[in-house]
């Protein structure tokens, strides 16, 4: 989704990345300069608990 937004004119600020506490976050700005975030809570599994 992030790459699609950037390819359509948004300005990438921080590409989505998985944090150590299990969230994925990324930030971009729309053509008017407003900053938006992408956010997901990743499921906890035995492998990443």
PDB file of N, CA and C in Angstrom:
ATOM      1  N   UNK A   1       0.824  -1.179   0.000  1.00  0.00           N
ATOM      2  CA  UNK A   1       0.000   0.000   0.000  1.00  0.00           C
ATOM      3  C   UNK A   1       0.880   1.259   0.000  1.00  0.00           C
ATOM      4  N   UNK A   2       1.907   1.270   0.836  1.00  0.00           N
ATOM      5  CA  UNK A   2       2.812   2.418   0.922  1.00  0.00           C
ATOM      6  C   UNK A   2       3.425   2.726  -0.445  1.00  0.00           C
ATOM      7  N   UNK A   3       3.975   1.709  -1.091  1.00  0.00           N
ATOM      8  CA  UNK A   3       4.610   1.917  -2.401  1.00  0.00           C
ATOM      9  C   UNK A   3       3.608   2.419  -3.434  1.00  0.00           C
ATOM     10  N   UNK A   4       2.381   1.939  -3.358  1.00  0.00           N
ATOM     11  CA  UNK A   4       1.336   2.399  -4.277  1.00  0.00           C
ATOM     12  C   UNK A   4       1.047   3.882  -4.054  1.00  0.00           C
ATOM     13  N   UNK A   5       0.914   4.302  -2.803  1.00  0.00           N
ATOM     14  CA  UNK A   5       0.669   5.711  -2.509  1.00  0.00           C
ATOM     15  C   UNK A   5       1.804   6.588  -3.017  1.00  0.00           C
ATOM     16  N   UNK A   6       3.038   6.166  -2.758  1.00  0.00           N
ATOM     17  CA  UNK A   6       4.201   6.943  -3.200  1.00  0.00           C
ATOM     18  C   UNK A   6       4.246   7.004  -4.727  1.00  0.00           C
ATOM     19  N   UNK A   7       3.938   5.904  -5.400  1.00  0.00           N
ATOM     20  CA  UNK A   7       3.963   5.897  -6.870  1.00  0.00           C
ATOM     21  C   UNK A   7       2.890   6.801  -7.468  1.00  0.00           C
ATOM     22  N   UNK A   8       1.858   7.114  -6.676  1.00  0.00           N
ATOM     23  CA  UNK A   8       0.773   7.977  -7.164  1.00  0.00           C
ATOM     24  C   UNK A   8       0.908   9.420  -6.699  1.00  0.00           C
ATOM     25  N   UNK A   9       2.073   9.780  -6.135  1.00  0.00           N
ATOM     26  CA  UNK A   9       2.316  11.184  -5.812  1.00  0.00           C
ATOM     27  C   UNK A   9       2.528  11.519  -4.357  1.00  0.00           C
ATOM     28  N   UNK A  10       2.319  10.566  -3.462  1.00  0.00           N
ATOM     29  CA  UNK A  10       2.592  10.838  -2.048  1.00  0.00           C
ATOM     30  C   UNK A  10       4.102  10.903  -1.834  1.00  0.00           C
ATOM     31  N   UNK A  11       4.516  11.580  -0.793  1.00  0.00           N
ATOM     32  CA  UNK A  11       5.925  11.667  -0.440  1.00  0.00           C
ATOM     33  C   UNK A  11       6.204  10.682   0.683  1.00  0.00           C
ATOM     34  N   UNK A  12       7.091   9.741   0.424  1.00  0.00           N
ATOM     35  CA  UNK A  12       7.443   8.778   1.450  1.00  0.00           C
ATOM     36  C   UNK A  12       8.238   9.435   2.560  1.00  0.00           C
ATOM     37  N   UNK A  13       7.880   9.181   3.790  1.00  0.00           N
ATOM     38  CA  UNK A  13       8.612   9.713   4.942  1.00  0.00           C
ATOM     39  C   UNK A  13       9.376   8.579   5.608  1.00  0.00           C
ATOM     40  N   UNK A  14       8.670   7.541   6.020  1.00  0.00           N
ATOM     41  CA  UNK A  14       9.292   6.345   6.601  1.00  0.00           C
ATOM     42  C   UNK A  14       8.570   5.133   6.041  1.00  0.00           C
ATOM     43  N   UNK A  15       9.276   4.280   5.336  1.00  0.00           N
ATOM     44  CA  UNK A  15       8.668   3.061   4.810  1.00  0.00           C
ATOM     45  C   UNK A  15       8.210   2.184   5.971  1.00  0.00           C
ATOM     46  N   UNK A  16       7.133   1.435   5.785  1.00  0.00           N
ATOM     47  CA  UNK A  16       6.661   0.576   6.870  1.00  0.00           C
ATOM     48  C   UNK A  16       7.740  -0.390   7.342  1.00  0.00           C
ATOM     49  N   UNK A  17       7.840  -0.530   8.654  1.00  0.00           N
ATOM     50  CA  UNK A  17       8.784  -1.489   9.228  1.00  0.00           C
ATOM     51  C   UNK A  17       8.177  -2.088  10.481  1.00  0.00           C
ATOM     52  N   UNK A  18       8.586  -3.303  10.770  1.00  0.00           N
ATOM     53  CA  UNK A  18       8.105  -4.008  11.957  1.00  0.00           C
ATOM     54  C   UNK A  18       8.935  -3.542  13.145  1.00  0.00           C
ATOM     55  N   UNK A  19       8.256  -3.141  14.201  1.00  0.00           N
ATOM     56  CA  UNK A  19       8.942  -2.694  15.410  1.00  0.00           C
ATOM     57  C   UNK A  19       9.187  -3.870  16.348  1.00  0.00           C
ATOM     58  N   UNK A  20      10.032  -3.658  17.323  1.00  0.00           N
ATOM     59  CA  UNK A  20      10.358  -4.722  18.269  1.00  0.00           C
ATOM     60  C   UNK A  20       9.173  -5.085  19.158  1.00  0.00           C
ATOM     61  N   UNK A  21       8.174  -4.205  19.286  1.00  0.00           N
ATOM     62  CA  UNK A  21       7.016  -4.495  20.129  1.00  0.00           C
ATOM     63  C   UNK A  21       5.846  -5.058  19.314  1.00  0.00           C
ATOM     64  N   UNK A  22       6.080  -5.384  18.021  1.00  0.00           N
ATOM     65  CA  UNK A  22       5.096  -6.117  17.239  1.00  0.00           C
ATOM     66  C   UNK A  22       4.156  -5.309  16.371  1.00  0.00           C
ATOM     67  N   UNK A  23       4.393  -4.021  16.211  1.00  0.00           N
ATOM     68  CA  UNK A  23       3.573  -3.208  15.325  1.00  0.00           C
ATOM     69  C   UNK A  23       4.342  -2.951  14.036  1.00  0.00           C
ATOM     70  N   UNK A  24       3.602  -2.698  12.970  1.00  0.00           N
ATOM     71  CA  UNK A  24       4.200  -2.229  11.726  1.00  0.00           C
ATOM     72  C   UNK A  24       3.723  -0.799  11.517  1.00  0.00           C
ATOM     73  N   UNK A  25       4.655   0.122  11.297  1.00  0.00           N
ATOM     74  CA  UNK A  25       4.286   1.521  11.105  1.00  0.00           C
ATOM     75  C   UNK A  25       5.060   2.121   9.937  1.00  0.00           C
ATOM     76  N   UNK A  26       4.431   3.064   9.261  1.00  0.00           N
ATOM     77  CA  UNK A  26       5.061   3.816   8.184  1.00  0.00           C
ATOM     78  C   UNK A  26       4.347   5.150   8.045  1.00  0.00           C
ATOM     79  N   UNK A  27       5.029   6.119   7.449  1.00  0.00           N
ATOM     80  CA  UNK A  27       4.468   7.459   7.308  1.00  0.00           C
ATOM     81  C   UNK A  27       4.696   7.999   5.897  1.00  0.00           C
ATOM     82  N   UNK A  28       3.719   8.757   5.411  1.00  0.00           N
ATOM     83  CA  UNK A  28       3.830   9.409   4.112  1.00  0.00           C
ATOM     84  C   UNK A  28       3.069  10.726   4.162  1.00  0.00           C
ATOM     85  N   UNK A  29       3.369  11.610   3.226  1.00  0.00           N
ATOM     86  CA  UNK A  29       2.655  12.890   3.121  1.00  0.00           C
ATOM     87  C   UNK A  29       1.887  12.912   1.805  1.00  0.00           C
ATOM     88  N   UNK A  30       0.660  13.430   1.853  1.00  0.00           N
ATOM     89  CA  UNK A  30      -0.116  13.564   0.621  1.00  0.00           C
ATOM     90  C   UNK A  30       0.382  14.788  -0.148  1.00  0.00           C
ATOM     91  N   UNK A  31      -0.098  14.992  -1.371  1.00  0.00           N
ATOM     92  CA  UNK A  31       0.391  16.125  -2.174  1.00  0.00           C
ATOM     93  C   UNK A  31       0.194  17.491  -1.527  1.00  0.00           C
ATOM     94  N   UNK A  32      -0.740  17.619  -0.589  1.00  0.00           N
ATOM     95  CA  UNK A  32      -0.946  18.892   0.100  1.00  0.00           C
ATOM     96  C   UNK A  32      -0.036  19.040   1.315  1.00  0.00           C
ATOM     97  N   UNK A  33       0.719  17.990   1.651  1.00  0.00           N
ATOM     98  CA  UNK A  33       1.659  18.059   2.758  1.00  0.00           C
ATOM     99  C   UNK A  33       1.165  17.484   4.078  1.00  0.00           C
ATOM    100  N   UNK A  34      -0.080  16.998   4.110  1.00  0.00           N
ATOM    101  CA  UNK A  34      -0.587  16.382   5.337  1.00  0.00           C
ATOM    102  C   UNK A  34       0.084  15.031   5.535  1.00  0.00           C
ATOM    103  N   UNK A  35       0.487  14.743   6.758  1.00  0.00           N
ATOM    104  CA  UNK A  35       1.183  13.499   7.062  1.00  0.00           C
ATOM    105  C   UNK A  35       0.178  12.457   7.539  1.00  0.00           C
ATOM    106  N   UNK A  36       0.324  11.247   7.011  1.00  0.00           N
ATOM    107  CA  UNK A  36      -0.555  10.127   7.344  1.00  0.00           C
ATOM    108  C   UNK A  36       0.311   8.950   7.767  1.00  0.00           C
ATOM    109  N   UNK A  37      -0.296   8.055   8.543  1.00  0.00           N
ATOM    110  CA  UNK A  37       0.443   6.864   8.967  1.00  0.00           C
ATOM    111  C   UNK A  37      -0.272   5.609   8.517  1.00  0.00           C
ATOM    112  N   UNK A  38       0.521   4.570   8.310  1.00  0.00           N
ATOM    113  CA  UNK A  38       0.022   3.215   8.114  1.00  0.00           C
ATOM    114  C   UNK A  38       0.399   2.466   9.381  1.00  0.00           C
ATOM    115  N   UNK A  39      -0.531   1.695   9.901  1.00  0.00           N
ATOM    116  CA  UNK A  39      -0.291   1.049  11.181  1.00  0.00           C
ATOM    117  C   UNK A  39      -0.973  -0.309  11.200  1.00  0.00           C
ATOM    118  N   UNK A  40      -0.301  -1.291  11.757  1.00  0.00           N
ATOM    119  CA  UNK A  40      -0.906  -2.611  11.946  1.00  0.00           C
ATOM    120  C   UNK A  40      -0.346  -3.226  13.215  1.00  0.00           C
ATOM    121  N   UNK A  41      -1.214  -3.927  13.929  1.00  0.00           N
ATOM    122  CA  UNK A  41      -0.774  -4.720  15.085  1.00  0.00           C
ATOM    123  C   UNK A  41      -0.580  -6.124  14.555  1.00  0.00           C
ATOM    124  N   UNK A  42       0.644  -6.613  14.640  1.00  0.00           N
ATOM    125  CA  UNK A  42       0.957  -7.938  14.117  1.00  0.00           C
ATOM    126  C   UNK A  42       0.561  -9.001  15.138  1.00  0.00           C
ATOM    127  N   UNK A  43       0.009 -10.112  14.665  1.00  0.00           N
ATOM    128  CA  UNK A  43      -0.373 -11.168  15.602  1.00  0.00           C
ATOM    129  C   UNK A  43       0.849 -11.752  16.323  1.00  0.00           C
ATOM    130  N   UNK A  44       0.642 -12.093  17.566  1.00  0.00           N
ATOM    131  CA  UNK A  44       1.713 -12.706  18.355  1.00  0.00           C
ATOM    132  C   UNK A  44       1.664 -14.214  18.116  1.00  0.00           C
ATOM    133  N   UNK A  45       2.807 -14.763  17.747  1.00  0.00           N
ATOM    134  CA  UNK A  45       2.919 -16.208  17.543  1.00  0.00           C
ATOM    135  C   UNK A  45       4.041 -16.727  18.428  1.00  0.00           C
ATOM    136  N   UNK A  46       4.167 -18.029  18.529  1.00  0.00           N
ATOM    137  CA  UNK A  46       5.224 -18.624  19.338  1.00  0.00           C
ATOM    138  C   UNK A  46       6.602 -18.232  18.808  1.00  0.00           C
ATOM    139  N   UNK A  47       6.714 -17.991  17.501  1.00  0.00           N
ATOM    140  CA  UNK A  47       8.004 -17.636  16.914  1.00  0.00           C
ATOM    141  C   UNK A  47       8.449 -16.230  17.252  1.00  0.00           C
ATOM    142  N   UNK A  48       7.500 -15.304  17.439  1.00  0.00           N
ATOM    143  CA  UNK A  48       7.907 -13.925  17.716  1.00  0.00           C
ATOM    144  C   UNK A  48       7.486 -13.457  19.112  1.00  0.00           C
ATOM    145  N   UNK A  49       7.133 -14.378  19.987  1.00  0.00           N
ATOM    146  CA  UNK A  49       6.745 -13.994  21.352  1.00  0.00           C
ATOM    147  C   UNK A  49       7.956 -13.786  22.232  1.00  0.00           C
TER     148      UNK A  49
END
